[in-house]
Amino acid sequence: MNEPGQTTTDLADRPLSSPARSRLDPNRADYDAILAAHGEAMSLDRPGYLDPRSGLFVMTAKYHADRGWCCNSGCRHCPFVAD
């Protein structure tokens, strides 16, 4: 992972629509709802969405990729994290 301010072109080998298993367990009851909310935000070019369970704002993978670096905060859709 990169420190804030460092950039990278090496994104995890995973589509931006699929979060790393270490960040989002596919066995969660709300997994499909999360992916749907993320997909809608991505298709509308929004920076994030409201988590269906907690109501907290979650940044999309595209937002993180466009930013270009990992902040090491454990973000759900961080594209710089490998499975």
PDB file of N, CA and C in Angstrom:
ATOM      1  N   MET A   1       0.840  -1.184   0.000  1.00  0.00           N
ATOM      2  CA  MET A   1       0.000   0.000   0.000  1.00  0.00           C
ATOM      3  C   MET A   1       0.873   1.231   0.000  1.00  0.00           C
ATOM      4  N   ASN A   2       0.313   2.316  -0.441  1.00  0.00           N
ATOM      5  CA  ASN A   2       1.056   3.559  -0.517  1.00  0.00           C
ATOM      6  C   ASN A   2       0.693   4.494   0.621  1.00  0.00           C
ATOM      7  N   GLU A   3       1.622   5.333   0.953  1.00  0.00           N
ATOM      8  CA  GLU A   3       1.371   6.378   1.937  1.00  0.00           C
ATOM      9  C   GLU A   3       0.664   7.528   1.235  1.00  0.00           C
ATOM     10  N   PRO A   4      -0.109   8.331   1.975  1.00  0.00           N
ATOM     11  CA  PRO A   4      -0.747   9.494   1.351  1.00  0.00           C
ATOM     12  C   PRO A   4       0.277  10.332   0.601  1.00  0.00           C
ATOM     13  N   GLY A   5      -0.106  10.744  -0.580  1.00  0.00           N
ATOM     14  CA  GLY A   5       0.774  11.554  -1.408  1.00  0.00           C
ATOM     15  C   GLY A   5       1.553  10.746  -2.420  1.00  0.00           C
ATOM     16  N   GLN A   6       1.734   9.444  -2.181  1.00  0.00           N
ATOM     17  CA  GLN A   6       2.400   8.587  -3.146  1.00  0.00           C
ATOM     18  C   GLN A   6       1.368   8.082  -4.135  1.00  0.00           C
ATOM     19  N   THR A   7       1.753   7.966  -5.380  1.00  0.00           N
ATOM     20  CA  THR A   7       0.833   7.465  -6.392  1.00  0.00           C
ATOM     21  C   THR A   7       1.274   6.086  -6.848  1.00  0.00           C
ATOM     22  N   THR A   8       0.360   5.410  -7.511  1.00  0.00           N
ATOM     23  CA  THR A   8       0.679   4.087  -8.035  1.00  0.00           C
ATOM     24  C   THR A   8      -0.136   3.829  -9.292  1.00  0.00           C
ATOM     25  N   THR A   9       0.396   2.997 -10.138  1.00  0.00           N
ATOM     26  CA  THR A   9      -0.361   2.536 -11.301  1.00  0.00           C
ATOM     27  C   THR A   9      -0.671   1.062 -11.152  1.00  0.00           C
ATOM     28  N   ASP A  10      -0.220   0.456 -10.055  1.00  0.00           N
ATOM     29  CA  ASP A  10      -0.410  -0.973  -9.825  1.00  0.00           C
ATOM     30  C   ASP A  10      -1.660  -1.231  -8.999  1.00  0.00           C
ATOM     31  N   LEU A  11      -2.802  -1.269  -9.651  1.00  0.00           N
ATOM     32  CA  LEU A  11      -4.042  -1.584  -8.957  1.00  0.00           C
ATOM     33  C   LEU A  11      -4.150  -3.093  -8.809  1.00  0.00           C
ATOM     34  N   ALA A  12      -4.838  -3.525  -7.781  1.00  0.00           N
ATOM     35  CA  ALA A  12      -5.049  -4.964  -7.588  1.00  0.00           C
ATOM     36  C   ALA A  12      -5.679  -5.546  -8.849  1.00  0.00           C
ATOM     37  N   ASP A  13      -5.388  -6.786  -9.135  1.00  0.00           N
ATOM     38  CA  ASP A  13      -5.909  -7.451 -10.325  1.00  0.00           C
ATOM     39  C   ASP A  13      -7.350  -7.883 -10.060  1.00  0.00           C
ATOM     40  N   ARG A  14      -8.251  -6.902 -10.021  1.00  0.00           N
ATOM     41  CA  ARG A  14      -9.652  -7.147  -9.679  1.00  0.00           C
ATOM     42  C   ARG A  14     -10.469  -6.019 -10.300  1.00  0.00           C
ATOM     43  N   PRO A  15     -11.638  -6.336 -10.838  1.00  0.00           N
ATOM     44  CA  PRO A  15     -12.463  -5.259 -11.389  1.00  0.00           C
ATOM     45  C   PRO A  15     -12.865  -4.275 -10.288  1.00  0.00           C
ATOM     46  N   LEU A  16     -13.023  -3.024 -10.632  1.00  0.00           N
ATOM     47  CA  LEU A  16     -13.391  -1.999  -9.649  1.00  0.00           C
ATOM     48  C   LEU A  16     -14.747  -2.271  -9.010  1.00  0.00           C
ATOM     49  N   SER A  17     -15.559  -3.125  -9.610  1.00  0.00           N
ATOM     50  CA  SER A  17     -16.884  -3.405  -9.056  1.00  0.00           C
ATOM     51  C   SER A  17     -16.850  -4.486  -7.972  1.00  0.00           C
ATOM     52  N   SER A  18     -15.721  -5.139  -7.789  1.00  0.00           N
ATOM     53  CA  SER A  18     -15.630  -6.255  -6.856  1.00  0.00           C
ATOM     54  C   SER A  18     -14.618  -5.955  -5.754  1.00  0.00           C
ATOM     55  N   PRO A  19     -15.076  -5.680  -4.524  1.00  0.00           N
ATOM     56  CA  PRO A  19     -14.138  -5.369  -3.446  1.00  0.00           C
ATOM     57  C   PRO A  19     -13.339  -6.594  -2.999  1.00  0.00           C
ATOM     58  N   ALA A  20     -12.183  -6.350  -2.426  1.00  0.00           N
ATOM     59  CA  ALA A  20     -11.354  -7.428  -1.897  1.00  0.00           C
ATOM     60  C   ALA A  20     -12.110  -8.183  -0.808  1.00  0.00           C
ATOM     61  N   ARG A  21     -11.956  -9.494  -0.792  1.00  0.00           N
ATOM     62  CA  ARG A  21     -12.627 -10.320   0.231  1.00  0.00           C
ATOM     63  C   ARG A  21     -12.233  -9.884   1.641  1.00  0.00           C
ATOM     64  N   SER A  22     -11.014  -9.402   1.786  1.00  0.00           N
ATOM     65  CA  SER A  22     -10.560  -8.962   3.106  1.00  0.00           C
ATOM     66  C   SER A  22     -11.284  -7.697   3.573  1.00  0.00           C
ATOM     67  N   ARG A  23     -11.913  -6.996   2.650  1.00  0.00           N
ATOM     68  CA  ARG A  23     -12.623  -5.766   2.981  1.00  0.00           C
ATOM     69  C   ARG A  23     -14.142  -5.947   3.010  1.00  0.00           C
ATOM     70  N   LEU A  24     -14.645  -6.951   2.282  1.00  0.00           N
ATOM     71  CA  LEU A  24     -16.088  -7.196   2.240  1.00  0.00           C
ATOM     72  C   LEU A  24     -16.332  -8.683   2.012  1.00  0.00           C
ATOM     73  N   ASP A  25     -16.789  -9.352   3.038  1.00  0.00           N
ATOM     74  CA  ASP A  25     -17.045 -10.790   2.979  1.00  0.00           C
ATOM     75  C   ASP A  25     -18.256 -11.070   2.090  1.00  0.00           C
ATOM     76  N   PRO A  26     -18.085 -11.873   1.035  1.00  0.00           N
ATOM     77  CA  PRO A  26     -19.203 -12.176   0.148  1.00  0.00           C
ATOM     78  C   PRO A  26     -20.324 -12.959   0.821  1.00  0.00           C
ATOM     79  N   ASN A  27     -20.093 -13.476   2.009  1.00  0.00           N
ATOM     80  CA  ASN A  27     -21.128 -14.214   2.734  1.00  0.00           C
ATOM     81  C   ASN A  27     -22.009 -13.320   3.602  1.00  0.00           C
ATOM     82  N   ARG A  28     -21.735 -12.031   3.642  1.00  0.00           N
ATOM     83  CA  ARG A  28     -22.578 -11.108   4.411  1.00  0.00           C
ATOM     84  C   ARG A  28     -23.986 -11.096   3.843  1.00  0.00           C
ATOM     85  N   ALA A  29     -24.952 -10.979   4.695  1.00  0.00           N
ATOM     86  CA  ALA A  29     -26.355 -10.954   4.262  1.00  0.00           C
ATOM     87  C   ALA A  29     -26.645  -9.757   3.365  1.00  0.00           C
ATOM     88  N   ASP A  30     -25.926  -8.648   3.557  1.00  0.00           N
ATOM     89  CA  ASP A  30     -26.183  -7.437   2.784  1.00  0.00           C
ATOM     90  C   ASP A  30     -25.199  -7.252   1.620  1.00  0.00           C
ATOM     91  N   TYR A  31     -24.453  -8.292   1.277  1.00  0.00           N
ATOM     92  CA  TYR A  31     -23.438  -8.205   0.220  1.00  0.00           C
ATOM     93  C   TYR A  31     -24.034  -7.721  -1.106  1.00  0.00           C
ATOM     94  N   ASP A  32     -25.128  -8.329  -1.537  1.00  0.00           N
ATOM     95  CA  ASP A  32     -25.742  -7.946  -2.816  1.00  0.00           C
ATOM     96  C   ASP A  32     -26.255  -6.510  -2.779  1.00  0.00           C
ATOM     97  N   ALA A  33     -26.810  -6.091  -1.655  1.00  0.00           N
ATOM     98  CA  ALA A  33     -27.299  -4.710  -1.519  1.00  0.00           C
ATOM     99  C   ALA A  33     -26.135  -3.728  -1.587  1.00  0.00           C
ATOM    100  N   ILE A  34     -25.014  -4.084  -0.985  1.00  0.00           N
ATOM    101  CA  ILE A  34     -23.826  -3.232  -1.027  1.00  0.00           C
ATOM    102  C   ILE A  34     -23.321  -3.107  -2.459  1.00  0.00           C
ATOM    103  N   LEU A  35     -23.206  -4.244  -3.154  1.00  0.00           N
ATOM    104  CA  LEU A  35     -22.735  -4.195  -4.539  1.00  0.00           C
ATOM    105  C   LEU A  35     -23.691  -3.400  -5.434  1.00  0.00           C
ATOM    106  N   ALA A  36     -24.992  -3.520  -5.177  1.00  0.00           N
ATOM    107  CA  ALA A  36     -25.966  -2.755  -5.965  1.00  0.00           C
ATOM    108  C   ALA A  36     -25.800  -1.251  -5.704  1.00  0.00           C
ATOM    109  N   ALA A  37     -25.644  -0.858  -4.446  1.00  0.00           N
ATOM    110  CA  ALA A  37     -25.465   0.559  -4.108  1.00  0.00           C
ATOM    111  C   ALA A  37     -24.159   1.083  -4.702  1.00  0.00           C
ATOM    112  N   HIS A  38     -23.109   0.281  -4.630  1.00  0.00           N
ATOM    113  CA  HIS A  38     -21.818   0.672  -5.199  1.00  0.00           C
ATOM    114  C   HIS A  38     -21.931   0.802  -6.719  1.00  0.00           C
ATOM    115  N   GLY A  39     -22.564  -0.178  -7.356  1.00  0.00           N
ATOM    116  CA  GLY A  39     -22.732  -0.148  -8.809  1.00  0.00           C
ATOM    117  C   GLY A  39     -23.526   1.059  -9.272  1.00  0.00           C
ATOM    118  N   GLU A  40     -24.581   1.391  -8.549  1.00  0.00           N
ATOM    119  CA  GLU A  40     -25.374   2.569  -8.910  1.00  0.00           C
ATOM    120  C   GLU A  40     -24.540   3.843  -8.780  1.00  0.00           C
ATOM    121  N   ALA A  41     -23.801   3.968  -7.691  1.00  0.00           N
ATOM    122  CA  ALA A  41     -22.959   5.155  -7.502  1.00  0.00           C
ATOM    123  C   ALA A  41     -21.905   5.243  -8.603  1.00  0.00           C
ATOM    124  N   MET A  42     -21.311   4.108  -8.965  1.00  0.00           N
ATOM    125  CA  MET A  42     -20.303   4.100 -10.026  1.00  0.00           C
ATOM    126  C   MET A  42     -20.920   4.512 -11.362  1.00  0.00           C
ATOM    127  N   SER A  43     -22.103   3.978 -11.675  1.00  0.00           N
ATOM    128  CA  SER A  43     -22.726   4.285 -12.968  1.00  0.00           C
ATOM    129  C   SER A  43     -23.162   5.746 -13.061  1.00  0.00           C
ATOM    130  N   LEU A  44     -23.456   6.349 -11.925  1.00  0.00           N
ATOM    131  CA  LEU A  44     -23.859   7.752 -11.900  1.00  0.00           C
ATOM    132  C   LEU A  44     -22.670   8.685 -11.644  1.00  0.00           C
ATOM    133  N   ASP A  45     -21.464   8.119 -11.611  1.00  0.00           N
ATOM    134  CA  ASP A  45     -20.227   8.860 -11.378  1.00  0.00           C
ATOM    135  C   ASP A  45     -20.265   9.663 -10.075  1.00  0.00           C
ATOM    136  N   ARG A  46     -20.824   9.022  -9.047  1.00  0.00           N
ATOM    137  CA  ARG A  46     -20.859   9.632  -7.715  1.00  0.00           C
ATOM    138  C   ARG A  46     -19.638   9.152  -6.926  1.00  0.00           C
ATOM    139  N   PRO A  47     -19.157   9.948  -5.989  1.00  0.00           N
ATOM    140  CA  PRO A  47     -17.967   9.544  -5.231  1.00  0.00           C
ATOM    141  C   PRO A  47     -18.233   8.426  -4.227  1.00  0.00           C
ATOM    142  N   GLY A  48     -19.497   8.169  -3.902  1.00  0.00           N
ATOM    143  CA  GLY A  48     -19.797   7.135  -2.926  1.00  0.00           C
ATOM    144  C   GLY A  48     -21.283   6.877  -2.805  1.00  0.00           C
ATOM    145  N   TYR A  49     -21.635   6.119  -1.770  1.00  0.00           N
ATOM    146  CA  TYR A  49     -23.025   5.728  -1.536  1.00  0.00           C
ATOM    147  C   TYR A  49     -23.233   5.550  -0.038  1.00  0.00           C
ATOM    148  N   LEU A  50     -24.474   5.464   0.383  1.00  0.00           N
ATOM    149  CA  LEU A  50     -24.778   5.200   1.786  1.00  0.00           C
ATOM    150  C   LEU A  50     -24.856   3.698   2.002  1.00  0.00           C
ATOM    151  N   ASP A  51     -24.110   3.209   2.981  1.00  0.00           N
ATOM    152  CA  ASP A  51     -24.119   1.789   3.301  1.00  0.00           C
ATOM    153  C   ASP A  51     -25.528   1.370   3.691  1.00  0.00           C
ATOM    154  N   PRO A  52     -26.050   0.296   3.085  1.00  0.00           N
ATOM    155  CA  PRO A  52     -27.430  -0.128   3.368  1.00  0.00           C
ATOM    156  C   PRO A  52     -27.694  -0.474   4.833  1.00  0.00           C
ATOM    157  N   ARG A  53     -26.699  -0.947   5.550  1.00  0.00           N
ATOM    158  CA  ARG A  53     -26.903  -1.347   6.937  1.00  0.00           C
ATOM    159  C   ARG A  53     -26.655  -0.197   7.918  1.00  0.00           C
ATOM    160  N   SER A  54     -25.508   0.470   7.785  1.00  0.00           N
ATOM    161  CA  SER A  54     -25.127   1.488   8.772  1.00  0.00           C
ATOM    162  C   SER A  54     -25.555   2.899   8.411  1.00  0.00           C
ATOM    163  N   GLY A  55     -25.763   3.156   7.117  1.00  0.00           N
ATOM    164  CA  GLY A  55     -26.085   4.506   6.680  1.00  0.00           C
ATOM    165  C   GLY A  55     -24.859   5.396   6.533  1.00  0.00           C
ATOM    166  N   LEU A  56     -23.670   4.851   6.770  1.00  0.00           N
ATOM    167  CA  LEU A  56     -22.442   5.632   6.626  1.00  0.00           C
ATOM    168  C   LEU A  56     -22.090   5.796   5.152  1.00  0.00           C
ATOM    169  N   PHE A  57     -21.400   6.888   4.822  1.00  0.00           N
ATOM    170  CA  PHE A  57     -20.986   7.150   3.449  1.00  0.00           C
ATOM    171  C   PHE A  57     -19.755   6.320   3.129  1.00  0.00           C
ATOM    172  N   VAL A  58     -19.788   5.599   2.004  1.00  0.00           N
ATOM    173  CA  VAL A  58     -18.698   4.727   1.576  1.00  0.00           C
ATOM    174  C   VAL A  58     -18.222   5.197   0.206  1.00  0.00           C
ATOM    175  N   MET A  59     -16.920   5.427   0.070  1.00  0.00           N
ATOM    176  CA  MET A  59     -16.349   5.874  -1.204  1.00  0.00           C
ATOM    177  C   MET A  59     -16.284   4.710  -2.201  1.00  0.00           C
ATOM    178  N   THR A  60     -16.507   5.018  -3.475  1.00  0.00           N
ATOM    179  CA  THR A  60     -16.457   3.993  -4.515  1.00  0.00           C
ATOM    180  C   THR A  60     -15.014   3.658  -4.894  1.00  0.00           C
ATOM    181  N   ALA A  61     -14.853   2.534  -5.557  1.00  0.00           N
ATOM    182  CA  ALA A  61     -13.542   2.129  -6.054  1.00  0.00           C
ATOM    183  C   ALA A  61     -13.020   3.139  -7.065  1.00  0.00           C
ATOM    184  N   LYS A  62     -13.904   3.680  -7.898  1.00  0.00           N
ATOM    185  CA  LYS A  62     -13.485   4.678  -8.888  1.00  0.00           C
ATOM    186  C   LYS A  62     -12.952   5.923  -8.206  1.00  0.00           C
ATOM    187  N   TYR A  63     -13.605   6.349  -7.140  1.00  0.00           N
ATOM    188  CA  TYR A  63     -13.128   7.521  -6.404  1.00  0.00           C
ATOM    189  C   TYR A  63     -11.694   7.270  -5.929  1.00  0.00           C
ATOM    190  N   HIS A  64     -11.466   6.090  -5.335  1.00  0.00           N
ATOM    191  CA  HIS A  64     -10.130   5.765  -4.832  1.00  0.00           C
ATOM    192  C   HIS A  64      -9.114   5.672  -5.970  1.00  0.00           C
ATOM    193  N   ALA A  65      -9.479   5.007  -7.060  1.00  0.00           N
ATOM    194  CA  ALA A  65      -8.567   4.864  -8.197  1.00  0.00           C
ATOM    195  C   ALA A  65      -8.215   6.223  -8.786  1.00  0.00           C
ATOM    196  N   ASP A  66      -9.217   7.097  -8.920  1.00  0.00           N
ATOM    197  CA  ASP A  66      -8.963   8.440  -9.460  1.00  0.00           C
ATOM    198  C   ASP A  66      -8.064   9.244  -8.537  1.00  0.00           C
ATOM    199  N   ARG A  67      -8.192   9.024  -7.212  1.00  0.00           N
ATOM    200  CA  ARG A  67      -7.335   9.723  -6.247  1.00  0.00           C
ATOM    201  C   ARG A  67      -5.886   9.281  -6.451  1.00  0.00           C
ATOM    202  N   GLY A  68      -5.689   7.984  -6.719  1.00  0.00           N
ATOM    203  CA  GLY A  68      -4.373   7.501  -7.094  1.00  0.00           C
ATOM    204  C   GLY A  68      -3.475   6.985  -5.994  1.00  0.00           C
ATOM    205  N   TRP A  69      -3.953   6.893  -4.780  1.00  0.00           N
ATOM    206  CA  TRP A  69      -3.128   6.367  -3.696  1.00  0.00           C
ATOM    207  C   TRP A  69      -4.001   5.806  -2.587  1.00  0.00           C
ATOM    208  N   CYS A  70      -3.395   4.934  -1.781  1.00  0.00           N
ATOM    209  CA  CYS A  70      -4.089   4.303  -0.662  1.00  0.00           C
ATOM    210  C   CYS A  70      -3.773   5.072   0.620  1.00  0.00           C
ATOM    211  N   CYS A  71      -4.799   5.366   1.389  1.00  0.00           N
ATOM    212  CA  CYS A  71      -4.628   6.110   2.646  1.00  0.00           C
ATOM    213  C   CYS A  71      -4.447   5.179   3.839  1.00  0.00           C
ATOM    214  N   ASN A  72      -4.504   3.855   3.606  1.00  0.00           N
ATOM    215  CA  ASN A  72      -4.329   2.851   4.654  1.00  0.00           C
ATOM    216  C   ASN A  72      -5.384   2.948   5.755  1.00  0.00           C
ATOM    217  N   SER A  73      -6.605   3.342   5.389  1.00  0.00           N
ATOM    218  CA  SER A  73      -7.691   3.450   6.362  1.00  0.00           C
ATOM    219  C   SER A  73      -8.636   2.256   6.351  1.00  0.00           C
ATOM    220  N   GLY A  74      -8.374   1.267   5.511  1.00  0.00           N
ATOM    221  CA  GLY A  74      -9.225   0.087   5.459  1.00  0.00           C
ATOM    222  C   GLY A  74     -10.486   0.283   4.644  1.00  0.00           C
ATOM    223  N   CYS A  75     -10.460   1.152   3.670  1.00  0.00           N
ATOM    224  CA  CYS A  75     -11.639   1.457   2.856  1.00  0.00           C
ATOM    225  C   CYS A  75     -12.159   0.199   2.141  1.00  0.00           C
ATOM    226  N   ARG A  76     -13.462   0.032   2.150  1.00  0.00           N
ATOM    227  CA  ARG A  76     -14.120  -1.155   1.610  1.00  0.00           C
ATOM    228  C   ARG A  76     -13.796  -1.408   0.142  1.00  0.00           C
ATOM    229  N   HIS A  77     -13.776  -0.375  -0.677  1.00  0.00           N
ATOM    230  CA  HIS A  77     -13.608  -0.551  -2.109  1.00  0.00           C
ATOM    231  C   HIS A  77     -12.231  -0.108  -2.620  1.00  0.00           C
ATOM    232  N   CYS A  78     -11.236  -0.077  -1.734  1.00  0.00           N
ATOM    233  CA  CYS A  78      -9.896   0.346  -2.149  1.00  0.00           C
ATOM    234  C   CYS A  78      -9.360  -0.565  -3.251  1.00  0.00           C
ATOM    235  N   PRO A  79      -9.049  -0.003  -4.413  1.00  0.00           N
ATOM    236  CA  PRO A  79      -8.549  -0.829  -5.508  1.00  0.00           C
ATOM    237  C   PRO A  79      -7.069  -1.156  -5.380  1.00  0.00           C
ATOM    238  N   PHE A  80      -6.396  -0.613  -4.387  1.00  0.00           N
ATOM    239  CA  PHE A  80      -4.970  -0.848  -4.201  1.00  0.00           C
ATOM    240  C   PHE A  80      -4.697  -2.033  -3.276  1.00  0.00           C
ATOM    241  N   VAL A  81      -5.769  -2.683  -2.792  1.00  0.00           N
ATOM    242  CA  VAL A  81      -5.646  -3.812  -1.878  1.00  0.00           C
ATOM    243  C   VAL A  81      -5.869  -5.108  -2.645  1.00  0.00           C
ATOM    244  N   ALA A  82      -4.951  -6.042  -2.514  1.00  0.00           N
ATOM    245  CA  ALA A  82      -5.106  -7.339  -3.168  1.00  0.00           C
ATOM    246  C   ALA A  82      -5.940  -8.264  -2.280  1.00  0.00           C
ATOM    247  N   ASP A  83      -6.635  -9.201  -2.907  1.00  0.00           N
ATOM    248  CA  ASP A  83      -7.419 -10.199  -2.143  1.00  0.00           C
ATOM    249  C   ASP A  83      -6.535 -10.992  -1.240  1.00  0.00           C
TER     250      ASP A  83
END
